[in-house]
């Protein structure tokens, strides 16, 4: 599974960049998948609904199949909060994708780019994390990694493709 991670602190524009990248890459004929990574524990299924009741009864995997949308729910194996996510568990669901864009997950062992806006007031993660390959920003910054102008989505998309090849 070829994947790239879009990093950034809160309100720096990660989701907006992911959406624009998906639109741009899909327009070129690529099949793109996305994963939203979070460190917070969320109940993604709806408590009380049948699929949730199936899992509560002990089902290792539970799914919803409908004409408009499918979903699969499973509980990950117990792991420490600071361990990377198990992306191989997702691989079968993304097998038809040319690229998977993950929003978040600084611990991942995959190419990473960061989106940063000076106006938000925090420093780039790239100052602390040497595994970040590029900084996406329209603000002035002089650091050890390349800058990809935020307003140039085609250039960012090409940079992403270059990183995963």
C-alpha atoms as a PDB file:
ATOM      1  CA  UNK A   1       0.000   0.000   0.000  1.00  0.00           C
ATOM      2  CA  UNK A   2       1.652   3.244  -1.141  1.00  0.00           C
ATOM      3  CA  UNK A   3       0.848   5.946   1.343  1.00  0.00           C
ATOM      4  CA  UNK A   4       1.869   9.431   2.326  1.00  0.00           C
ATOM      5  CA  UNK A   5       1.093  11.253   5.548  1.00  0.00           C
ATOM      6  CA  UNK A   6      -0.072  14.853   5.725  1.00  0.00           C
ATOM      7  CA  UNK A   7       0.971  16.312   9.061  1.00  0.00           C
ATOM      8  CA  UNK A   8       0.419  19.623  10.763  1.00  0.00           C
ATOM      9  CA  UNK A   9      -0.675  21.105  14.016  1.00  0.00           C
ATOM     10  CA  UNK A  10      -4.303  21.941  14.731  1.00  0.00           C
ATOM     11  CA  UNK A  11      -5.869  24.490  12.327  1.00  0.00           C
ATOM     12  CA  UNK A  12      -2.950  24.557   9.905  1.00  0.00           C
ATOM     13  CA  UNK A  13      -5.036  23.175   7.028  1.00  0.00           C
ATOM     14  CA  UNK A  14      -4.387  19.424   6.937  1.00  0.00           C
ATOM     15  CA  UNK A  15      -7.922  18.421   5.977  1.00  0.00           C
ATOM     16  CA  UNK A  16      -8.213  21.149   3.347  1.00  0.00           C
ATOM     17  CA  UNK A  17      -4.934  20.059   1.784  1.00  0.00           C
ATOM     18  CA  UNK A  18      -5.959  16.386   1.835  1.00  0.00           C
ATOM     19  CA  UNK A  19      -9.249  17.206   0.102  1.00  0.00           C
ATOM     20  CA  UNK A  20      -7.512  19.295  -2.579  1.00  0.00           C
ATOM     21  CA  UNK A  21      -4.871  16.614  -3.141  1.00  0.00           C
ATOM     22  CA  UNK A  22      -7.522  13.920  -3.518  1.00  0.00           C
ATOM     23  CA  UNK A  23      -9.439  16.050  -6.036  1.00  0.00           C
ATOM     24  CA  UNK A  24      -6.277  16.824  -8.013  1.00  0.00           C
ATOM     25  CA  UNK A  25      -4.928  13.266  -8.048  1.00  0.00           C
ATOM     26  CA  UNK A  26      -8.305  11.734  -8.911  1.00  0.00           C
ATOM     27  CA  UNK A  27      -8.576  14.188 -11.809  1.00  0.00           C
ATOM     28  CA  UNK A  28      -5.376  12.648 -13.227  1.00  0.00           C
ATOM     29  CA  UNK A  29      -6.992   9.210 -13.225  1.00  0.00           C
ATOM     30  CA  UNK A  30      -5.531   7.845  -9.995  1.00  0.00           C
ATOM     31  CA  UNK A  31      -7.579   5.890  -7.505  1.00  0.00           C
ATOM     32  CA  UNK A  32      -6.940   7.511  -4.103  1.00  0.00           C
ATOM     33  CA  UNK A  33      -7.909   6.311  -0.626  1.00  0.00           C
ATOM     34  CA  UNK A  34      -7.728   8.243   2.622  1.00  0.00           C
ATOM     35  CA  UNK A  35      -7.340   7.440   6.290  1.00  0.00           C
ATOM     36  CA  UNK A  36      -7.846   9.927   9.119  1.00  0.00           C
ATOM     37  CA  UNK A  37      -5.492   9.102  11.985  1.00  0.00           C
ATOM     38  CA  UNK A  38      -6.256  10.258  15.503  1.00  0.00           C
ATOM     39  CA  UNK A  39      -4.712   9.678  18.907  1.00  0.00           C
ATOM     40  CA  UNK A  40      -8.132  10.081  20.511  1.00  0.00           C
ATOM     41  CA  UNK A  41     -10.306   7.080  21.231  1.00  0.00           C
ATOM     42  CA  UNK A  42     -13.585   7.409  19.326  1.00  0.00           C
ATOM     43  CA  UNK A  43     -16.532   5.070  19.004  1.00  0.00           C
ATOM     44  CA  UNK A  44     -16.953   5.055  15.248  1.00  0.00           C
ATOM     45  CA  UNK A  45     -19.938   2.723  15.195  1.00  0.00           C
ATOM     46  CA  UNK A  46     -23.280   3.857  16.633  1.00  0.00           C
ATOM     47  CA  UNK A  47     -23.977   2.383  20.078  1.00  0.00           C
ATOM     48  CA  UNK A  48     -27.274   0.519  20.082  1.00  0.00           C
ATOM     49  CA  UNK A  49     -27.275  -0.132  16.333  1.00  0.00           C
ATOM     50  CA  UNK A  50     -27.103  -3.724  15.094  1.00  0.00           C
ATOM     51  CA  UNK A  51     -23.461  -3.608  13.965  1.00  0.00           C
ATOM     52  CA  UNK A  52     -22.407  -2.183  17.325  1.00  0.00           C
ATOM     53  CA  UNK A  53     -24.387  -4.864  19.150  1.00  0.00           C
ATOM     54  CA  UNK A  54     -22.642  -7.522  17.033  1.00  0.00           C
ATOM     55  CA  UNK A  55     -19.240  -6.232  18.167  1.00  0.00           C
ATOM     56  CA  UNK A  56     -20.377  -5.884  21.773  1.00  0.00           C
ATOM     57  CA  UNK A  57     -21.408  -9.550  21.646  1.00  0.00           C
ATOM     58  CA  UNK A  58     -17.843 -10.463  20.719  1.00  0.00           C
ATOM     59  CA  UNK A  59     -17.590 -10.338  16.915  1.00  0.00           C
ATOM     60  CA  UNK A  60     -13.947  -9.786  15.951  1.00  0.00           C
ATOM     61  CA  UNK A  61     -15.005  -7.874  12.840  1.00  0.00           C
ATOM     62  CA  UNK A  62     -18.387  -6.358  12.085  1.00  0.00           C
ATOM     63  CA  UNK A  63     -19.506  -4.743   8.831  1.00  0.00           C
ATOM     64  CA  UNK A  64     -22.356  -2.754   7.383  1.00  0.00           C
ATOM     65  CA  UNK A  65     -23.222  -3.355   3.731  1.00  0.00           C
ATOM     66  CA  UNK A  66     -25.711  -1.042   2.056  1.00  0.00           C
ATOM     67  CA  UNK A  67     -26.419   0.208  -1.464  1.00  0.00           C
ATOM     68  CA  UNK A  68     -24.772   3.568  -0.748  1.00  0.00           C
ATOM     69  CA  UNK A  69     -21.867   2.852   1.624  1.00  0.00           C
ATOM     70  CA  UNK A  70     -20.029  -0.033   3.253  1.00  0.00           C
ATOM     71  CA  UNK A  71     -18.106   0.056   6.513  1.00  0.00           C
ATOM     72  CA  UNK A  72     -15.972  -2.426   8.429  1.00  0.00           C
ATOM     73  CA  UNK A  73     -15.312  -2.141  12.156  1.00  0.00           C
ATOM     74  CA  UNK A  74     -12.705  -4.015  14.144  1.00  0.00           C
ATOM     75  CA  UNK A  75     -10.864  -3.370  17.364  1.00  0.00           C
ATOM     76  CA  UNK A  76      -7.111  -3.060  16.889  1.00  0.00           C
ATOM     77  CA  UNK A  77      -4.793  -5.266  18.873  1.00  0.00           C
ATOM     78  CA  UNK A  78      -3.801  -3.638  22.153  1.00  0.00           C
ATOM     79  CA  UNK A  79      -0.730  -1.455  21.740  1.00  0.00           C
ATOM     80  CA  UNK A  80       0.888   1.480  23.450  1.00  0.00           C
ATOM     81  CA  UNK A  81      -0.381   4.958  22.674  1.00  0.00           C
ATOM     82  CA  UNK A  82       2.976   5.951  21.203  1.00  0.00           C
ATOM     83  CA  UNK A  83       3.274   2.998  18.798  1.00  0.00           C
ATOM     84  CA  UNK A  84       2.563   3.498  15.096  1.00  0.00           C
ATOM     85  CA  UNK A  85      -0.786   2.407  13.702  1.00  0.00           C
ATOM     86  CA  UNK A  86      -1.016  -0.976  11.973  1.00  0.00           C
ATOM     87  CA  UNK A  87      -1.572   0.156   8.394  1.00  0.00           C
ATOM     88  CA  UNK A  88      -1.146  -3.392   7.085  1.00  0.00           C
ATOM     89  CA  UNK A  89      -4.541  -4.178   8.637  1.00  0.00           C
ATOM     90  CA  UNK A  90      -6.052  -1.623   6.253  1.00  0.00           C
ATOM     91  CA  UNK A  91      -4.184  -2.854   3.170  1.00  0.00           C
ATOM     92  CA  UNK A  92      -6.857  -5.285   1.886  1.00  0.00           C
ATOM     93  CA  UNK A  93      -9.460  -2.496   1.859  1.00  0.00           C
ATOM     94  CA  UNK A  94      -7.158  -0.177  -0.091  1.00  0.00           C
ATOM     95  CA  UNK A  95      -5.736  -2.772  -2.498  1.00  0.00           C
ATOM     96  CA  UNK A  96      -7.399  -1.108  -5.494  1.00  0.00           C
ATOM     97  CA  UNK A  97      -5.905   2.303  -4.662  1.00  0.00           C
ATOM     98  CA  UNK A  98      -2.857   3.756  -6.371  1.00  0.00           C
ATOM     99  CA  UNK A  99      -2.164   5.895  -3.307  1.00  0.00           C
ATOM    100  CA  UNK A 100      -3.479   6.272   0.224  1.00  0.00           C
ATOM    101  CA  UNK A 101      -3.281   9.677   1.894  1.00  0.00           C
ATOM    102  CA  UNK A 102      -3.225   9.541   5.680  1.00  0.00           C
ATOM    103  CA  UNK A 103      -4.111  12.682   7.575  1.00  0.00           C
ATOM    104  CA  UNK A 104      -1.885  12.665  10.638  1.00  0.00           C
ATOM    105  CA  UNK A 105       0.327  10.116  12.417  1.00  0.00           C
ATOM    106  CA  UNK A 106       3.759  11.580  13.064  1.00  0.00           C
ATOM    107  CA  UNK A 107       5.085   8.140  14.086  1.00  0.00           C
ATOM    108  CA  UNK A 108       4.445   6.467  10.742  1.00  0.00           C
ATOM    109  CA  UNK A 109       7.266   4.908   8.773  1.00  0.00           C
ATOM    110  CA  UNK A 110       6.151   6.363   5.440  1.00  0.00           C
ATOM    111  CA  UNK A 111       6.790   9.605   3.534  1.00  0.00           C
ATOM    112  CA  UNK A 112       5.470  12.667   5.370  1.00  0.00           C
ATOM    113  CA  UNK A 113       4.824  16.262   4.432  1.00  0.00           C
ATOM    114  CA  UNK A 114       3.701  19.020   6.742  1.00  0.00           C
ATOM    115  CA  UNK A 115       1.270  21.853   6.118  1.00  0.00           C
ATOM    116  CA  UNK A 116       2.079  24.966   8.147  1.00  0.00           C
ATOM    117  CA  UNK A 117       0.627  28.462   8.503  1.00  0.00           C
ATOM    118  CA  UNK A 118       2.619  31.077  10.382  1.00  0.00           C
ATOM    119  CA  UNK A 119      -0.548  32.979  11.353  1.00  0.00           C
ATOM    120  CA  UNK A 120      -1.668  30.132  13.616  1.00  0.00           C
ATOM    121  CA  UNK A 121       1.314  30.863  15.831  1.00  0.00           C
ATOM    122  CA  UNK A 122       3.111  27.562  16.302  1.00  0.00           C
ATOM    123  CA  UNK A 123       6.393  26.328  14.900  1.00  0.00           C
ATOM    124  CA  UNK A 124       6.551  23.628  12.212  1.00  0.00           C
ATOM    125  CA  UNK A 125       6.777  20.049  13.426  1.00  0.00           C
ATOM    126  CA  UNK A 126       9.637  19.686  10.935  1.00  0.00           C
ATOM    127  CA  UNK A 127      11.878  21.572  13.369  1.00  0.00           C
ATOM    128  CA  UNK A 128      11.598  18.563  15.694  1.00  0.00           C
ATOM    129  CA  UNK A 129      11.056  15.742  13.186  1.00  0.00           C
ATOM    130  CA  UNK A 130      13.727  15.114  10.575  1.00  0.00           C
ATOM    131  CA  UNK A 131      11.573  12.481   8.829  1.00  0.00           C
ATOM    132  CA  UNK A 132       9.347  15.159   7.251  1.00  0.00           C
ATOM    133  CA  UNK A 133      10.233  15.470   3.563  1.00  0.00           C
ATOM    134  CA  UNK A 134       8.711  18.859   2.719  1.00  0.00           C
ATOM    135  CA  UNK A 135       6.877  21.811   4.224  1.00  0.00           C
ATOM    136  CA  UNK A 136       3.731  23.068   2.486  1.00  0.00           C
ATOM    137  CA  UNK A 137       3.325  26.783   3.174  1.00  0.00           C
ATOM    138  CA  UNK A 138       2.972  30.182   1.570  1.00  0.00           C
ATOM    139  CA  UNK A 139       4.731  31.787   4.539  1.00  0.00           C
ATOM    140  CA  UNK A 140       8.439  32.607   4.680  1.00  0.00           C
ATOM    141  CA  UNK A 141      10.451  29.880   6.357  1.00  0.00           C
ATOM    142  CA  UNK A 142      14.072  28.893   6.167  1.00  0.00           C
ATOM    143  CA  UNK A 143      14.565  25.347   7.314  1.00  0.00           C
ATOM    144  CA  UNK A 144      16.372  22.183   6.352  1.00  0.00           C
ATOM    145  CA  UNK A 145      13.648  20.791   4.053  1.00  0.00           C
ATOM    146  CA  UNK A 146      12.119  21.898   0.747  1.00  0.00           C
ATOM    147  CA  UNK A 147       9.155  24.272   0.715  1.00  0.00           C
ATOM    148  CA  UNK A 148       6.216  23.521  -1.545  1.00  0.00           C
ATOM    149  CA  UNK A 149       4.027  26.619  -2.038  1.00  0.00           C
ATOM    150  CA  UNK A 150       0.553  25.975  -0.602  1.00  0.00           C
ATOM    151  CA  UNK A 151      -1.126  27.808  -3.467  1.00  0.00           C
ATOM    152  CA  UNK A 152       0.475  25.435  -6.031  1.00  0.00           C
ATOM    153  CA  UNK A 153      -1.620  22.265  -5.611  1.00  0.00           C
ATOM    154  CA  UNK A 154      -0.321  20.755  -8.873  1.00  0.00           C
ATOM    155  CA  UNK A 155       3.267  21.080  -7.633  1.00  0.00           C
ATOM    156  CA  UNK A 156       2.316  19.552  -4.275  1.00  0.00           C
ATOM    157  CA  UNK A 157       0.530  16.668  -6.021  1.00  0.00           C
ATOM    158  CA  UNK A 158       3.590  15.995  -8.166  1.00  0.00           C
ATOM    159  CA  UNK A 159       5.804  16.135  -5.087  1.00  0.00           C
ATOM    160  CA  UNK A 160       3.583  13.563  -3.383  1.00  0.00           C
ATOM    161  CA  UNK A 161       3.817  11.258  -6.405  1.00  0.00           C
ATOM    162  CA  UNK A 162       7.583  11.662  -6.479  1.00  0.00           C
ATOM    163  CA  UNK A 163       7.829  10.740  -2.803  1.00  0.00           C
ATOM    164  CA  UNK A 164       5.859   7.509  -3.100  1.00  0.00           C
ATOM    165  CA  UNK A 165       7.675   6.230  -6.211  1.00  0.00           C
END
